[in-house]
Every structure is written in C-alpha cells, then in structure tokens.
C-alpha cells in the first residue's frame, strides 16, 4: 500500500485549493471581463497553481500528461497507481 507523506499531502491539497480559486475566478471573469482586480488575482493564482503542479510533478508523479518529465528514462505516467486502484 502506498502512503503519501505529509509534504505530498500538503502540496496536493494546496494544488486543489489553488485550482478551485482559479476556476472560480474564471467563472467570475466570464461575466466581468473588464474587472482588472479580478484579472490580477486570476494571473497571480494561476501562476501559483502552475508552479505547484510543476513542483508536485517533479517530486512525486505527474498529475497530467502535460507534466510527464521528459528527462526521465521511463514513462512515469504509466507507473503511478491509478485513482480507481485505491492505492494512494
């Protein structure tokens, strides 16, 4: 059984929080396209999200195919447990 470290859990939780914020801001900007303050928040949190996902992918495993490390000597995407396997 694969047990996540506290640091891995913390980083994954942070990604989920940032993803929610970016998604929520996206919905808001759909109807308030000229709100400069909201756009500033969107850009800030989107940058933090991208940075966190890159960090997670480098330290643990890729979250999407876009984050598969090209420098690895194997295809890590296929090696990590799948969500429905209930391992991690």
C-alpha atoms as a PDB file:
ATOM      1  CA  UNK A   1       0.000   0.000   0.000  1.00  0.00           C
ATOM      2  CA  UNK A   2       1.279   3.446  -0.954  1.00  0.00           C
ATOM      3  CA  UNK A   3       1.139   6.037   1.810  1.00  0.00           C
ATOM      4  CA  UNK A   4       1.573   9.707   0.948  1.00  0.00           C
ATOM      5  CA  UNK A   5       3.974  11.734   3.043  1.00  0.00           C
ATOM      6  CA  UNK A   6       2.647  14.776   4.889  1.00  0.00           C
ATOM      7  CA  UNK A   7       4.547  17.026   2.479  1.00  0.00           C
ATOM      8  CA  UNK A   8       2.985  15.302  -0.536  1.00  0.00           C
ATOM      9  CA  UNK A   9      -0.489  15.612   1.008  1.00  0.00           C
ATOM     10  CA  UNK A  10       0.117  19.283   1.807  1.00  0.00           C
ATOM     11  CA  UNK A  11       1.275  20.064  -1.717  1.00  0.00           C
ATOM     12  CA  UNK A  12      -1.632  18.174  -3.308  1.00  0.00           C
ATOM     13  CA  UNK A  13      -4.118  19.962  -1.033  1.00  0.00           C
ATOM     14  CA  UNK A  14      -2.536  23.299  -1.970  1.00  0.00           C
ATOM     15  CA  UNK A  15      -2.975  22.423  -5.659  1.00  0.00           C
ATOM     16  CA  UNK A  16      -6.647  21.626  -5.059  1.00  0.00           C
ATOM     17  CA  UNK A  17      -7.201  24.947  -3.258  1.00  0.00           C
ATOM     18  CA  UNK A  18      -5.429  26.916  -5.986  1.00  0.00           C
ATOM     19  CA  UNK A  19      -7.303  25.041  -8.710  1.00  0.00           C
ATOM     20  CA  UNK A  20     -10.616  25.938  -7.060  1.00  0.00           C
ATOM     21  CA  UNK A  21      -9.608  29.609  -6.804  1.00  0.00           C
ATOM     22  CA  UNK A  22      -8.537  29.749 -10.463  1.00  0.00           C
ATOM     23  CA  UNK A  23     -11.717  28.007 -11.612  1.00  0.00           C
ATOM     24  CA  UNK A  24     -13.898  30.305  -9.514  1.00  0.00           C
ATOM     25  CA  UNK A  25     -12.104  33.387 -10.855  1.00  0.00           C
ATOM     26  CA  UNK A  26     -12.528  32.049 -14.396  1.00  0.00           C
ATOM     27  CA  UNK A  27     -16.289  31.832 -13.896  1.00  0.00           C
ATOM     28  CA  UNK A  28     -16.355  35.347 -12.456  1.00  0.00           C
ATOM     29  CA  UNK A  29     -14.296  36.740 -15.341  1.00  0.00           C
ATOM     30  CA  UNK A  30     -16.692  35.135 -17.822  1.00  0.00           C
ATOM     31  CA  UNK A  31     -19.257  37.739 -16.769  1.00  0.00           C
ATOM     32  CA  UNK A  32     -16.932  40.520 -15.551  1.00  0.00           C
ATOM     33  CA  UNK A  33     -14.317  40.569 -18.311  1.00  0.00           C
ATOM     34  CA  UNK A  34     -13.065  44.093 -17.561  1.00  0.00           C
ATOM     35  CA  UNK A  35     -12.552  43.692 -13.818  1.00  0.00           C
ATOM     36  CA  UNK A  36      -8.837  44.471 -13.564  1.00  0.00           C
ATOM     37  CA  UNK A  37      -8.585  43.459  -9.921  1.00  0.00           C
ATOM     38  CA  UNK A  38     -10.107  40.032 -10.631  1.00  0.00           C
ATOM     39  CA  UNK A  39      -7.786  39.574 -13.606  1.00  0.00           C
ATOM     40  CA  UNK A  40      -4.833  40.433 -11.366  1.00  0.00           C
ATOM     41  CA  UNK A  41      -5.957  37.784  -8.852  1.00  0.00           C
ATOM     42  CA  UNK A  42      -6.502  35.271 -11.655  1.00  0.00           C
ATOM     43  CA  UNK A  43      -2.984  35.780 -13.028  1.00  0.00           C
ATOM     44  CA  UNK A  44      -1.463  35.555  -9.546  1.00  0.00           C
ATOM     45  CA  UNK A  45      -3.236  32.356  -8.507  1.00  0.00           C
ATOM     46  CA  UNK A  46      -2.843  30.746 -11.923  1.00  0.00           C
ATOM     47  CA  UNK A  47       0.931  31.294 -11.713  1.00  0.00           C
ATOM     48  CA  UNK A  48       0.986  29.761  -8.216  1.00  0.00           C
ATOM     49  CA  UNK A  49      -1.049  26.799  -9.477  1.00  0.00           C
ATOM     50  CA  UNK A  50       1.301  26.162 -12.395  1.00  0.00           C
ATOM     51  CA  UNK A  51       4.326  26.385 -10.100  1.00  0.00           C
ATOM     52  CA  UNK A  52       2.786  23.992  -7.553  1.00  0.00           C
ATOM     53  CA  UNK A  53       1.802  21.433 -10.200  1.00  0.00           C
ATOM     54  CA  UNK A  54       5.315  21.545 -11.674  1.00  0.00           C
ATOM     55  CA  UNK A  55       6.817  21.060  -8.214  1.00  0.00           C
ATOM     56  CA  UNK A  56       4.495  18.139  -7.431  1.00  0.00           C
ATOM     57  CA  UNK A  57       5.230  16.507 -10.782  1.00  0.00           C
ATOM     58  CA  UNK A  58       8.976  16.767 -10.252  1.00  0.00           C
ATOM     59  CA  UNK A  59       8.903  15.474  -6.656  1.00  0.00           C
ATOM     60  CA  UNK A  60       6.237  12.769  -6.900  1.00  0.00           C
ATOM     61  CA  UNK A  61       4.404  11.876 -10.107  1.00  0.00           C
ATOM     62  CA  UNK A  62       2.819  13.779 -12.972  1.00  0.00           C
ATOM     63  CA  UNK A  63      -0.754  14.962 -12.415  1.00  0.00           C
ATOM     64  CA  UNK A  64      -1.466  15.237 -16.141  1.00  0.00           C
ATOM     65  CA  UNK A  65       0.237  14.054 -19.311  1.00  0.00           C
ATOM     66  CA  UNK A  66       1.431  17.617 -19.791  1.00  0.00           C
ATOM     67  CA  UNK A  67       3.627  17.197 -16.725  1.00  0.00           C
ATOM     68  CA  UNK A  68       5.439  13.985 -17.610  1.00  0.00           C
ATOM     69  CA  UNK A  69       9.136  14.681 -17.096  1.00  0.00           C
ATOM     70  CA  UNK A  70      10.917  14.349 -20.410  1.00  0.00           C
ATOM     71  CA  UNK A  71      14.260  13.834 -18.658  1.00  0.00           C
ATOM     72  CA  UNK A  72      13.249  10.571 -17.007  1.00  0.00           C
ATOM     73  CA  UNK A  73      14.407   7.298 -18.511  1.00  0.00           C
ATOM     74  CA  UNK A  74      10.908   5.821 -18.216  1.00  0.00           C
ATOM     75  CA  UNK A  75       7.297   6.876 -18.742  1.00  0.00           C
ATOM     76  CA  UNK A  76       6.276   7.681 -15.145  1.00  0.00           C
ATOM     77  CA  UNK A  77       2.678   8.331 -16.135  1.00  0.00           C
ATOM     78  CA  UNK A  78       2.087   4.611 -16.558  1.00  0.00           C
ATOM     79  CA  UNK A  79       3.911   3.629 -13.345  1.00  0.00           C
ATOM     80  CA  UNK A  80       1.903   5.578 -10.763  1.00  0.00           C
ATOM     81  CA  UNK A  81      -1.173   3.921  -9.224  1.00  0.00           C
ATOM     82  CA  UNK A  82      -4.447   4.859 -10.911  1.00  0.00           C
ATOM     83  CA  UNK A  83      -7.097   6.614  -8.784  1.00  0.00           C
ATOM     84  CA  UNK A  84      -9.569   3.731  -9.093  1.00  0.00           C
ATOM     85  CA  UNK A  85      -6.993   1.283  -7.749  1.00  0.00           C
ATOM     86  CA  UNK A  86      -7.479   2.868  -4.332  1.00  0.00           C
ATOM     87  CA  UNK A  87      -3.808   2.541  -3.518  1.00  0.00           C
ATOM     88  CA  UNK A  88      -2.965   6.150  -2.756  1.00  0.00           C
END
